[in-house]
Protein backbone atom coordinates (compact mmCIF):
# COMPACT_ATOMS: atom_id res chain seq x y z
CA MET A 1 104.16 87.27 81.69
CA ASP A 2 100.77 89.16 81.76
CA SER A 3 100.53 91.85 84.56
CA THR A 4 98.16 89.81 86.80
CA GLU A 5 100.81 86.93 86.47
CA HIS A 6 104.06 89.69 87.63
CA TYR A 7 101.77 90.91 90.57
CA LYS A 8 101.03 87.18 92.01
CA ASN A 9 104.38 86.43 91.68
CA LEU A 10 105.29 89.76 93.42
CA VAL A 11 102.58 88.64 96.08
CA SER A 12 104.84 85.61 96.75
CA LEU A 13 107.73 87.63 97.54
CA GLY A 14 106.03 89.25 100.64
CA ARG A 15 104.99 92.54 101.29
CA GLU A 16 107.50 95.00 101.49
CA GLU A 17 109.20 93.78 97.95
CA PHE A 18 105.11 93.66 96.56
CA LEU A 19 105.31 97.19 97.28
CA ALA A 20 108.53 98.31 96.04
CA SER A 21 108.25 96.41 93.23
CA ALA A 22 104.11 97.63 92.25
CA ALA A 23 102.40 100.73 90.99
CA PRO A 24 101.30 102.51 94.07
CA ALA A 25 97.84 101.33 92.92
CA ALA A 26 95.80 99.32 90.32
CA LEU A 27 92.38 98.58 88.70
CA VAL A 28 91.17 95.29 89.52
CA ARG A 29 88.46 93.35 87.29
CA PHE A 30 87.03 89.78 88.83
CA ARG A 31 85.54 88.33 85.97
CA PRO A 32 82.58 86.67 86.22
CA GLY A 33 82.39 83.14 86.84
CA ALA A 34 84.80 83.66 89.80
CA ALA A 35 82.35 81.94 92.23
CA ALA A 36 83.28 78.30 90.98
CA ILE A 37 86.65 79.00 92.41
CA GLU A 38 87.70 76.63 95.38
CA GLY A 39 86.58 78.30 98.43
CA ALA A 40 83.48 79.57 97.17
CA THR A 41 80.72 78.82 99.88
CA THR A 42 78.09 76.23 98.95
CA MET A 43 74.92 75.79 101.18
CA THR A 44 72.83 72.79 100.37
CA LEU A 45 68.99 74.31 101.23
CA ASP A 46 65.17 72.01 100.86
CA GLN A 47 62.65 74.04 98.70
CA ASP A 48 59.51 71.80 97.97
CA GLY A 49 60.79 68.44 99.20
CA GLU A 50 63.98 68.54 97.20
CA THR A 51 67.24 69.67 97.94
CA VAL A 52 69.25 72.06 95.96
CA GLU A 53 73.03 73.50 96.53
CA GLU A 54 73.27 77.00 96.26
CA THR A 55 76.52 78.96 95.76
CA LEU A 56 76.68 81.81 98.10
CA PRO A 57 78.06 85.64 96.93
CA LEU A 58 81.50 86.76 97.58
CA GLY A 59 81.91 89.22 99.83
CA LYS A 60 84.12 92.47 98.92
CA ASP A 61 86.76 91.03 101.02
CA PHE A 62 87.51 87.17 99.01
CA LEU A 63 90.32 86.92 97.87
CA TYR A 64 91.17 85.80 94.32
CA ALA A 65 95.09 84.68 94.97
CA GLU A 66 94.13 81.41 92.62
CA SER A 67 91.37 82.52 90.54
CA PRO A 68 92.31 82.95 86.51
CA GLU A 69 89.28 84.87 86.77
CA VAL A 70 90.83 88.43 88.07
CA GLU A 71 93.11 90.63 85.57
CA VAL A 72 95.28 93.40 87.41
CA TYR A 73 95.35 96.51 85.34
CA PRO A 74 98.74 98.68 87.26
CA LEU A 75 98.43 102.31 87.35
CA SER A 76 100.93 103.79 85.25
CA LYS A 77 102.12 105.52 82.04
CA LYS A 78 102.99 103.71 79.16
CA PRO A 79 106.58 104.68 77.97
CA GLY A 80 105.84 107.44 75.23
CA ALA A 81 102.03 107.63 75.35
CA SER A 82 99.92 110.46 74.98
CA PHE A 83 98.67 112.81 77.51
CA PRO A 84 101.73 112.93 80.19
CA ASP A 85 99.94 114.27 83.36
CA ARG A 86 97.17 111.21 82.90
CA ILE A 87 96.69 107.47 82.60
CA THR A 88 94.08 106.71 79.67
CA ILE A 89 92.09 103.77 79.52
CA GLY A 90 90.04 102.52 76.33
CA ARG A 91 89.90 100.06 73.27
CA THR A 92 92.58 100.61 71.45
CA PRO A 93 96.64 100.43 72.25
CA ASN A 94 97.22 103.74 72.05
CA ASN A 95 96.12 103.87 75.75
CA ASP A 96 97.96 103.26 78.90
CA ILE A 97 95.16 100.45 80.08
CA VAL A 98 93.96 98.71 77.08
CA ILE A 99 90.61 97.03 77.88
CA THR A 100 89.36 95.15 74.78
CA ASP A 101 85.65 94.72 75.56
CA ALA A 102 82.95 96.50 72.70
CA SER A 103 81.29 98.45 75.82
CA ILE A 104 84.59 100.64 76.12
CA SER A 105 85.12 103.79 74.25
CA ARG A 106 88.13 104.01 72.34
CA LEU A 107 89.64 106.43 75.06
CA HIS A 108 86.75 105.83 77.55
CA ALA A 109 88.58 107.49 80.90
CA TYR A 110 91.21 108.42 82.61
CA VAL A 111 92.54 108.28 86.51
CA LYS A 112 95.89 110.78 87.76
CA SER A 113 97.34 111.28 91.17
CA ASP A 114 98.34 114.61 92.60
CA GLY A 115 101.29 112.71 95.12
CA ARG A 116 98.52 112.51 98.07
CA SER A 117 95.09 111.41 96.49
CA TRP A 118 93.73 109.57 92.81
CA ILE A 119 91.79 110.86 91.11
CA VAL A 120 89.59 110.03 87.62
CA ALA A 121 87.15 111.24 85.04
CA ASP A 122 84.97 109.95 81.95
CA ALA A 123 86.56 110.93 78.80
CA GLY A 124 83.73 111.82 77.21
CA SER A 125 82.54 107.80 76.30
CA LYS A 126 79.64 106.54 74.22
CA ASN A 127 78.50 104.16 77.03
CA GLY A 128 79.47 105.93 79.96
CA SER A 129 80.77 105.89 83.57
CA TRP A 130 80.04 105.39 86.90
CA LEU A 131 82.03 105.75 90.32
CA ASP A 132 79.84 103.70 92.99
CA ARG A 133 77.32 103.52 91.37
CA VAL A 134 76.66 107.43 90.90
CA THR A 135 76.81 108.44 87.20
CA LEU A 136 80.27 110.18 86.03
CA GLU A 137 79.94 113.19 84.08
CA ALA A 138 82.32 113.96 81.19
CA ARG A 139 85.36 115.41 81.92
CA LYS A 140 84.39 116.15 85.05
CA GLU A 141 86.96 114.61 88.18
CA LYS A 142 85.58 112.82 91.02
CA LYS A 143 88.25 111.70 94.03
CA LEU A 144 88.90 108.32 94.06
CA GLY A 145 89.17 105.84 96.96
CA THR A 146 90.73 102.58 97.20
CA ARG A 147 87.85 99.38 97.26
CA MET A 148 85.66 102.28 94.78
CA VAL A 149 83.99 100.51 92.21
CA LEU A 150 85.08 101.92 88.70
CA ARG A 151 82.45 100.62 85.83
CA LEU A 152 82.84 101.32 82.44
CA GLY A 153 80.18 100.62 79.83
CA ASP A 154 79.75 96.76 80.95
CA VAL A 155 83.38 96.67 82.87
CA ASP A 156 83.68 96.40 86.68
CA LEU A 157 87.03 97.93 88.18
CA THR A 158 87.71 97.83 91.70
CA PHE A 159 91.12 100.55 92.42
CA TYR A 160 92.93 99.71 94.93
CA LEU A 161 96.25 101.25 96.46
CA ALA A 162 99.40 98.92 96.84
CA GLU A 163 98.81 97.56 100.20
CA ASP A 164 95.96 97.00 99.59
CA LEU A 165 95.73 95.23 96.42
CA PHE A 166 98.32 93.13 98.40
CA ALA A 167 96.11 91.32 100.81
CA VAL A 168 93.87 91.21 98.01
CA LEU A 169 95.92 89.16 96.17
CA GLY A 170 96.43 86.67 99.16
CA GLY A 171 99.44 88.75 100.70
CA ALA A 172 99.70 87.94 104.74
C-alpha cells in the first residue's frame, strides 16, 4: 500500500487515530485532470448562439478524498538515510521523498522542523524551487507554513500540517 492509500485509510478511522498515526506534516501533489472528478462544478454558457459547457476551476480547499489524482508525501526520514537533520527531496531513491519527474534534481530540496516550525530550502537544484511563487535561493532556508505551495522544477506540492491534511483528505 502506498502512502496515499495509507493516509486515506487513516482518515476513515477518524481524526484522533489519523493524528496519532500520521507524520506531523506532508507534501501533497494534486495532479492535472482533477477537475474531471466527481464534485467539480460545470456551468453551461451561451457563446455566440452556441451552448458550451465549462468546468469551473477548483479552489484550494477542494476535497480530493476520492480522487486518484492526489499523492501524499509524508515528511519523515527513511531509516539509514543521509542527512539525519533534514528530510531530503529528489529524483533518486536515496532521498527521503522521491519524486520521479525529469524536472526534479537528484537532490532538489530539503525540509526540516525545529519542533515548533518547518523550514524549506533549495539544495542547489538545476531547475529551481519556489515557495508561494517566490524564488528560493540555493541553501537559504525559508519558513514553511501550512497550505503554502512549494514548486520544485515543474512539480507543485502543497505543504500541510497533519491536522489540516485530515480535512483536505475528506475527514470531518
